[in-house]
Amino acid sequence: MDQKIIALGLMGLLALLMIAAAVSDLRSRTISNGLNATIALFAIPFWIVSGMAFWPDMPMQFGAAFAVFAVFAGLFALGAMGGGDVKMIGAVMLWIPLYLYFPMLTIMAIGGGILSAAMLIQSKIRPSDKAIEVPYGLAIAAGGLWALHQHYLNQFQFIGST
């Protein structure tokens, strides 16, 4: 089977897994470890069929994803994020090309800000004694789907490039 078809299938699987994580987080404010582990583990065959070099590309991709995970683990330690969200960010970043890290994190932050504002408005309309829990998995999935489109599915990448 052609490696491009396998890579495309793995990207489709990633998209479905990110959507499943977003829906799970939206419904129950949890993202399962199994779902996050699946996202992370399928990155390895994706790297292989995408032609990523074993050295130094794979270690650089892993190291960059781990660095993002570590930053967000610090936010978890401060109580600013949930554990499932942090694991999801680390797992998704294994798939994202390095040059799209900052744009993807920006899209994710904008989505998270909009989501947080919506949750705040909801808490004002329907007051509750419970703490506001933002389903940040939705913002992570939005950023991941954007990056997936930008790098792999955007047929107009040449527009604006020099």
C-alpha atoms as a PDB file:
ATOM      1  CA  MET A   1       0.000   0.000   0.000  1.00  0.00           C
ATOM      2  CA  ASP A   2       1.221   3.479  -0.838  1.00  0.00           C
ATOM      3  CA  GLN A   3       2.748   5.297   2.154  1.00  0.00           C
ATOM      4  CA  LYS A   4       0.873   8.510   1.327  1.00  0.00           C
ATOM      5  CA  ILE A   5      -2.426   6.663   1.642  1.00  0.00           C
ATOM      6  CA  ILE A   6      -1.349   5.225   5.010  1.00  0.00           C
ATOM      7  CA  ALA A   7      -0.271   8.699   6.175  1.00  0.00           C
ATOM      8  CA  LEU A   8      -3.608  10.132   5.061  1.00  0.00           C
ATOM      9  CA  GLY A   9      -5.438   7.365   6.944  1.00  0.00           C
ATOM     10  CA  LEU A  10      -3.416   8.095  10.086  1.00  0.00           C
ATOM     11  CA  MET A  11      -4.218  11.802   9.762  1.00  0.00           C
ATOM     12  CA  GLY A  12      -7.896  10.913   9.488  1.00  0.00           C
ATOM     13  CA  LEU A  13      -7.532   8.779  12.607  1.00  0.00           C
ATOM     14  CA  LEU A  14      -5.869  11.689  14.425  1.00  0.00           C
ATOM     15  CA  ALA A  15      -8.725  13.992  13.425  1.00  0.00           C
ATOM     16  CA  LEU A  16     -11.311  11.505  14.716  1.00  0.00           C
ATOM     17  CA  LEU A  17      -9.390  10.987  17.971  1.00  0.00           C
ATOM     18  CA  MET A  18      -9.105  14.735  18.562  1.00  0.00           C
ATOM     19  CA  ILE A  19     -12.829  15.163  17.913  1.00  0.00           C
ATOM     20  CA  ALA A  20     -13.591  12.269  20.292  1.00  0.00           C
ATOM     21  CA  ALA A  21     -11.401  13.884  22.966  1.00  0.00           C
ATOM     22  CA  ALA A  22     -13.126  17.252  22.468  1.00  0.00           C
ATOM     23  CA  VAL A  23     -16.584  15.681  22.741  1.00  0.00           C
ATOM     24  CA  SER A  24     -15.539  13.722  25.845  1.00  0.00           C
ATOM     25  CA  ASP A  25     -14.139  16.863  27.469  1.00  0.00           C
ATOM     26  CA  LEU A  26     -17.249  18.846  26.558  1.00  0.00           C
ATOM     27  CA  ARG A  27     -19.593  16.222  28.008  1.00  0.00           C
ATOM     28  CA  SER A  28     -17.771  15.058  31.120  1.00  0.00           C
ATOM     29  CA  ARG A  29     -14.771  17.402  31.528  1.00  0.00           C
ATOM     30  CA  THR A  30     -12.450  14.411  31.207  1.00  0.00           C
ATOM     31  CA  ILE A  31     -10.193  13.045  28.472  1.00  0.00           C
ATOM     32  CA  SER A  32      -9.221   9.430  29.028  1.00  0.00           C
ATOM     33  CA  ASN A  33      -5.608   8.368  29.316  1.00  0.00           C
ATOM     34  CA  GLY A  34      -6.293   5.672  26.738  1.00  0.00           C
ATOM     35  CA  LEU A  35      -7.431   8.215  24.181  1.00  0.00           C
ATOM     36  CA  ASN A  36      -4.379  10.403  24.800  1.00  0.00           C
ATOM     37  CA  ALA A  37      -2.063   7.391  24.654  1.00  0.00           C
ATOM     38  CA  THR A  38      -3.613   6.320  21.352  1.00  0.00           C
ATOM     39  CA  ILE A  39      -3.026   9.785  19.881  1.00  0.00           C
ATOM     40  CA  ALA A  40       0.595   9.700  21.064  1.00  0.00           C
ATOM     41  CA  LEU A  41       1.377   6.149  19.960  1.00  0.00           C
ATOM     42  CA  PHE A  42      -0.013   6.540  16.453  1.00  0.00           C
ATOM     43  CA  ALA A  43       2.369   9.464  15.903  1.00  0.00           C
ATOM     44  CA  ILE A  44       5.263   6.997  15.588  1.00  0.00           C
ATOM     45  CA  PRO A  45       3.940   5.077  12.561  1.00  0.00           C
ATOM     46  CA  PHE A  46       2.902   8.435  11.113  1.00  0.00           C
ATOM     47  CA  TRP A  47       6.479   9.684  11.399  1.00  0.00           C
ATOM     48  CA  ILE A  48       7.731   6.549   9.647  1.00  0.00           C
ATOM     49  CA  VAL A  49       5.307   6.625   6.704  1.00  0.00           C
ATOM     50  CA  SER A  50       5.767  10.391   6.361  1.00  0.00           C
ATOM     51  CA  GLY A  51       9.475   9.850   5.763  1.00  0.00           C
ATOM     52  CA  MET A  52      10.690  11.573   8.927  1.00  0.00           C
ATOM     53  CA  ALA A  53      14.384  10.833   9.483  1.00  0.00           C
ATOM     54  CA  PHE A  54      15.163   8.638  12.481  1.00  0.00           C
ATOM     55  CA  TRP A  55      17.962  11.031  13.401  1.00  0.00           C
ATOM     56  CA  PRO A  56      17.711  13.957  14.158  1.00  0.00           C
ATOM     57  CA  ASP A  57      14.071  14.619  13.136  1.00  0.00           C
ATOM     58  CA  MET A  58      12.295  12.087  15.367  1.00  0.00           C
ATOM     59  CA  PRO A  59      14.175  13.059  18.562  1.00  0.00           C
ATOM     60  CA  MET A  60      13.631  16.757  17.762  1.00  0.00           C
ATOM     61  CA  GLN A  61       9.904  16.199  17.256  1.00  0.00           C
ATOM     62  CA  PHE A  62       9.665  14.248  20.513  1.00  0.00           C
ATOM     63  CA  GLY A  63      11.766  16.812  22.402  1.00  0.00           C
ATOM     64  CA  ALA A  64       9.689  19.749  21.176  1.00  0.00           C
ATOM     65  CA  ALA A  65       6.430  17.980  22.075  1.00  0.00           C
ATOM     66  CA  PHE A  66       7.856  17.119  25.495  1.00  0.00           C
ATOM     67  CA  ALA A  67       8.859  20.763  26.047  1.00  0.00           C
ATOM     68  CA  VAL A  68       5.293  21.897  25.310  1.00  0.00           C
ATOM     69  CA  PHE A  69       3.993  19.150  27.603  1.00  0.00           C
ATOM     70  CA  ALA A  70       6.345  20.324  30.378  1.00  0.00           C
ATOM     71  CA  VAL A  71       5.171  23.949  30.103  1.00  0.00           C
ATOM     72  CA  PHE A  72       1.527  22.891  30.321  1.00  0.00           C
ATOM     73  CA  ALA A  73       2.328  20.446  33.148  1.00  0.00           C
ATOM     74  CA  GLY A  74       3.537  23.514  35.022  1.00  0.00           C
ATOM     75  CA  LEU A  75       0.154  25.128  34.389  1.00  0.00           C
ATOM     76  CA  PHE A  76      -1.483  21.956  35.684  1.00  0.00           C
ATOM     77  CA  ALA A  77       0.633  22.204  38.851  1.00  0.00           C
ATOM     78  CA  LEU A  78      -0.679  25.743  39.321  1.00  0.00           C
ATOM     79  CA  GLY A  79      -4.251  24.505  38.914  1.00  0.00           C
ATOM     80  CA  ALA A  80      -4.759  26.336  35.626  1.00  0.00           C
ATOM     81  CA  MET A  81      -5.354  23.252  33.462  1.00  0.00           C
ATOM     82  CA  GLY A  82      -6.660  19.736  33.773  1.00  0.00           C
ATOM     83  CA  GLY A  83      -4.416  16.703  33.521  1.00  0.00           C
ATOM     84  CA  GLY A  84      -6.201  15.235  30.510  1.00  0.00           C
ATOM     85  CA  ASP A  85      -5.817  18.526  28.647  1.00  0.00           C
ATOM     86  CA  VAL A  86      -2.080  18.596  29.354  1.00  0.00           C
ATOM     87  CA  LYS A  87      -1.636  15.020  28.144  1.00  0.00           C
ATOM     88  CA  MET A  88      -3.685  15.760  25.046  1.00  0.00           C
ATOM     89  CA  ILE A  89      -1.523  18.782  24.187  1.00  0.00           C
ATOM     90  CA  GLY A  90       1.627  16.677  24.489  1.00  0.00           C
ATOM     91  CA  ALA A  91       0.158  13.886  22.379  1.00  0.00           C
ATOM     92  CA  VAL A  92      -1.149  16.176  19.632  1.00  0.00           C
ATOM     93  CA  MET A  93       2.132  18.105  19.419  1.00  0.00           C
ATOM     94  CA  LEU A  94       3.872  14.860  18.429  1.00  0.00           C
ATOM     95  CA  TRP A  95       2.031  15.173  15.105  1.00  0.00           C
ATOM     96  CA  ILE A  96       2.496  18.888  14.454  1.00  0.00           C
ATOM     97  CA  PRO A  97       5.459  20.033  12.315  1.00  0.00           C
ATOM     98  CA  LEU A  98       7.841  22.205  14.307  1.00  0.00           C
ATOM     99  CA  TYR A  99       7.252  25.307  12.208  1.00  0.00           C
ATOM    100  CA  LEU A 100       3.541  25.184  13.094  1.00  0.00           C
ATOM    101  CA  TYR A 101       4.011  24.937  16.878  1.00  0.00           C
ATOM    102  CA  PHE A 102       3.546  28.622  17.661  1.00  0.00           C
ATOM    103  CA  PRO A 103       0.720  29.222  15.187  1.00  0.00           C
ATOM    104  CA  MET A 104      -1.074  26.111  16.486  1.00  0.00           C
ATOM    105  CA  LEU A 105      -0.633  27.181  20.097  1.00  0.00           C
ATOM    106  CA  THR A 106      -1.923  30.638  19.132  1.00  0.00           C
ATOM    107  CA  ILE A 107      -5.048  29.184  17.514  1.00  0.00           C
ATOM    108  CA  MET A 108      -5.492  26.978  20.580  1.00  0.00           C
ATOM    109  CA  ALA A 109      -5.134  29.960  22.937  1.00  0.00           C
ATOM    110  CA  ILE A 110      -7.635  32.045  20.966  1.00  0.00           C
ATOM    111  CA  GLY A 111     -10.084  29.132  20.983  1.00  0.00           C
ATOM    112  CA  GLY A 112      -9.490  28.646  24.698  1.00  0.00           C
ATOM    113  CA  GLY A 113     -10.095  32.333  25.365  1.00  0.00           C
ATOM    114  CA  ILE A 114     -13.372  32.277  23.451  1.00  0.00           C
ATOM    115  CA  LEU A 115     -14.361  29.094  25.277  1.00  0.00           C
ATOM    116  CA  SER A 116     -13.455  30.622  28.652  1.00  0.00           C
ATOM    117  CA  ALA A 117     -15.485  33.735  27.869  1.00  0.00           C
ATOM    118  CA  ALA A 118     -18.460  31.574  26.908  1.00  0.00           C
ATOM    119  CA  MET A 119     -18.127  29.598  30.155  1.00  0.00           C
ATOM    120  CA  LEU A 120     -17.962  32.847  32.141  1.00  0.00           C
ATOM    121  CA  ILE A 121     -21.084  34.185  30.437  1.00  0.00           C
ATOM    122  CA  GLN A 122     -22.852  30.896  31.128  1.00  0.00           C
ATOM    123  CA  SER A 123     -21.871  31.102  34.799  1.00  0.00           C
ATOM    124  CA  LYS A 124     -23.370  34.597  34.992  1.00  0.00           C
ATOM    125  CA  ILE A 125     -26.603  33.499  33.320  1.00  0.00           C
ATOM    126  CA  ARG A 126     -26.892  30.295  35.376  1.00  0.00           C
ATOM    127  CA  PRO A 127     -25.028  30.819  38.662  1.00  0.00           C
ATOM    128  CA  SER A 128     -23.669  27.704  40.333  1.00  0.00           C
ATOM    129  CA  ASP A 129     -21.634  26.842  43.415  1.00  0.00           C
ATOM    130  CA  LYS A 130     -19.367  24.647  41.282  1.00  0.00           C
ATOM    131  CA  ALA A 131     -16.066  25.978  40.004  1.00  0.00           C
ATOM    132  CA  ILE A 132     -15.980  26.782  36.300  1.00  0.00           C
ATOM    133  CA  GLU A 133     -14.291  23.976  34.381  1.00  0.00           C
ATOM    134  CA  VAL A 134     -13.306  24.952  30.850  1.00  0.00           C
ATOM    135  CA  PRO A 135     -13.350  21.990  28.421  1.00  0.00           C
ATOM    136  CA  TYR A 136      -9.995  23.004  26.945  1.00  0.00           C
ATOM    137  CA  GLY A 137      -9.827  19.780  24.921  1.00  0.00           C
ATOM    138  CA  LEU A 138     -12.134  21.532  22.485  1.00  0.00           C
ATOM    139  CA  ALA A 139      -9.577  24.322  21.935  1.00  0.00           C
ATOM    140  CA  ILE A 140      -6.738  21.809  21.649  1.00  0.00           C
ATOM    141  CA  ALA A 141      -8.672  19.859  19.022  1.00  0.00           C
ATOM    142  CA  ALA A 142      -9.454  23.079  17.122  1.00  0.00           C
ATOM    143  CA  GLY A 143      -5.773  24.026  17.054  1.00  0.00           C
ATOM    144  CA  GLY A 144      -4.740  20.507  16.099  1.00  0.00           C
ATOM    145  CA  LEU A 145      -7.290  20.291  13.293  1.00  0.00           C
ATOM    146  CA  TRP A 146      -6.170  23.702  12.022  1.00  0.00           C
ATOM    147  CA  ALA A 147      -2.509  22.606  11.991  1.00  0.00           C
ATOM    148  CA  LEU A 148      -3.390  19.305  10.342  1.00  0.00           C
ATOM    149  CA  HIS A 149      -5.176  21.202   7.597  1.00  0.00           C
ATOM    150  CA  GLN A 150      -2.436  23.804   7.189  1.00  0.00           C
ATOM    151  CA  HIS A 151       0.400  21.361   6.736  1.00  0.00           C
ATOM    152  CA  TYR A 152      -1.133  18.324   5.131  1.00  0.00           C
ATOM    153  CA  LEU A 153      -4.424  19.247   3.494  1.00  0.00           C
ATOM    154  CA  ASN A 154      -4.012  22.869   2.393  1.00  0.00           C
ATOM    155  CA  GLN A 155      -3.730  22.828  -1.385  1.00  0.00           C
ATOM    156  CA  PHE A 156      -3.019  26.575  -1.487  1.00  0.00           C
ATOM    157  CA  GLN A 157       0.187  26.695   0.564  1.00  0.00           C
ATOM    158  CA  PHE A 158       1.978  28.521  -2.217  1.00  0.00           C
ATOM    159  CA  ILE A 159      -0.218  31.614  -1.778  1.00  0.00           C
ATOM    160  CA  GLY A 160       1.703  34.190   0.235  1.00  0.00           C
ATOM    161  CA  SER A 161       4.927  32.174   0.262  1.00  0.00           C
ATOM    162  CA  THR A 162       8.077  33.779  -1.051  1.00  0.00           C
END
